[in-house]
Amino acid sequence: MQNVGVPRRAIDRKDGMASIEQVKAALAQAAEQSVTTTSQIRAAIDGTDQVLARLRAVSAGTGHPAISEAIARAEQSKQRLIEAATTLQGSTAAARQYINILG
């Protein structure tokens, strides 16, 4: 196991390899950062929902293509944020699974 992703200062073995505990600690930190980032993405999803609500309120009674495009792009942004959050949650789960495999 090489020390990929483990800060150099965290490696104290003479062979330059990270110990299992160091790898587990780095994985746990990555998983926690992933949880934090997922929360931030969820906040962005909420903000995008607010944008959509405002756009829809303003567009009531109009069929102008520009407002339709604004709504479509905001919806697309929201969908991509949802995908990002879901993918990041999968990353967190995989990191935690590897921690469990390491024991």
Protein backbone atom coordinates (compact mmCIF):
# COMPACT_ATOMS: atom_id res chain seq x y z
CA MET A 1 0.00 0.00 0.00
CA GLN A 2 1.58 3.28 -1.04
CA ASN A 3 1.07 6.57 0.75
CA VAL A 4 -1.13 8.13 -1.91
CA GLY A 5 -3.37 10.76 -0.34
CA VAL A 6 -1.64 10.64 3.03
CA PRO A 7 0.17 13.88 3.88
CA ARG A 8 3.92 13.36 3.90
CA ARG A 9 4.20 14.70 7.45
CA ALA A 10 1.82 11.95 8.63
CA ILE A 11 4.18 9.21 7.52
CA ASP A 12 6.68 8.22 10.14
CA ARG A 13 7.84 4.84 8.93
CA LYS A 14 11.35 4.52 7.56
CA ASP A 15 10.15 2.80 4.39
CA GLY A 16 7.98 5.83 3.47
CA MET A 17 4.80 3.79 3.64
CA ALA A 18 1.83 4.92 5.68
CA SER A 19 0.71 2.68 8.50
CA ILE A 20 -2.78 1.20 8.44
CA GLU A 21 -3.78 3.61 11.20
CA GLN A 22 -2.51 6.57 9.19
CA VAL A 23 -4.42 5.41 6.12
CA LYS A 24 -7.56 4.91 8.20
CA ALA A 25 -7.20 8.37 9.71
CA ALA A 26 -6.75 9.96 6.28
CA LEU A 27 -9.78 8.08 4.95
CA ALA A 28 -11.86 9.20 7.93
CA GLN A 29 -10.84 12.81 7.34
CA ALA A 30 -11.75 12.51 3.66
CA ALA A 31 -15.12 10.99 4.56
CA GLU A 32 -15.84 13.82 7.01
CA GLN A 33 -14.89 16.45 4.42
CA SER A 34 -17.16 14.67 1.97
CA VAL A 35 -20.05 14.91 4.45
CA THR A 36 -19.37 18.63 4.90
CA THR A 37 -19.21 19.19 1.14
CA THR A 38 -22.43 17.21 0.63
CA SER A 39 -24.13 19.50 3.16
CA GLN A 40 -22.90 22.51 1.22
CA ILE A 41 -24.25 21.03 -2.00
CA ARG A 42 -27.61 20.44 -0.29
CA ALA A 43 -27.65 24.12 0.70
CA ALA A 44 -26.98 25.00 -2.94
CA ILE A 45 -29.90 22.77 -3.97
CA ASP A 46 -32.13 24.66 -1.53
CA GLY A 47 -30.91 27.96 -2.96
CA THR A 48 -31.61 26.72 -6.47
CA ASP A 49 -35.13 25.78 -5.38
CA GLN A 50 -35.61 29.36 -4.22
CA VAL A 51 -34.33 30.64 -7.57
CA LEU A 52 -36.78 28.38 -9.37
CA ALA A 53 -39.68 29.53 -7.19
CA ARG A 54 -38.88 33.17 -7.94
CA LEU A 55 -38.47 32.55 -11.65
CA ARG A 56 -41.76 30.67 -11.81
CA ALA A 57 -43.55 33.41 -9.86
CA VAL A 58 -42.20 36.10 -12.16
CA SER A 59 -42.99 34.12 -15.28
CA ALA A 60 -46.65 33.52 -14.42
CA GLY A 61 -48.69 34.61 -17.38
CA THR A 62 -45.79 35.05 -19.76
CA GLY A 63 -44.47 32.67 -22.31
CA HIS A 64 -41.31 34.52 -23.17
CA PRO A 65 -38.52 32.18 -24.31
CA ALA A 66 -35.90 33.93 -22.15
CA ILE A 67 -37.71 33.17 -18.90
CA SER A 68 -38.39 29.62 -20.07
CA GLU A 69 -34.67 29.23 -20.71
CA ALA A 70 -33.83 30.64 -17.27
CA ILE A 71 -36.14 28.10 -15.63
CA ALA A 72 -34.81 25.22 -17.71
CA ARG A 73 -31.19 26.10 -16.88
CA ALA A 74 -31.96 26.44 -13.16
CA GLU A 75 -33.69 23.05 -13.23
CA GLN A 76 -30.68 21.57 -14.99
CA SER A 77 -28.38 23.08 -12.36
CA LYS A 78 -30.48 21.61 -9.58
CA GLN A 79 -30.38 18.17 -11.21
CA ARG A 80 -26.60 18.30 -11.53
CA LEU A 81 -26.26 19.36 -7.90
CA ILE A 82 -28.42 16.40 -6.87
CA GLU A 83 -26.21 14.11 -8.95
CA ALA A 84 -23.08 15.60 -7.35
CA ALA A 85 -24.46 15.09 -3.84
CA THR A 86 -25.44 11.50 -4.61
CA THR A 87 -22.05 10.72 -6.13
CA LEU A 88 -20.22 12.28 -3.20
CA GLN A 89 -22.33 10.24 -0.76
CA GLY A 90 -21.20 7.14 -2.66
CA SER A 91 -17.60 8.23 -2.25
CA THR A 92 -18.11 8.65 1.49
CA ALA A 93 -19.67 5.20 1.77
CA ALA A 94 -16.81 3.61 -0.18
CA ALA A 95 -14.17 5.30 1.98
CA ARG A 96 -15.92 4.13 5.15
CA GLN A 97 -16.26 0.63 3.73
CA TYR A 98 -12.51 0.55 3.10
CA ILE A 99 -11.87 1.73 6.67
CA ASN A 100 -13.92 -1.26 7.85
CA ILE A 101 -12.01 -3.61 5.56
CA LEU A 102 -8.74 -2.36 7.03
CA GLY A 103 -10.07 -3.27 10.45
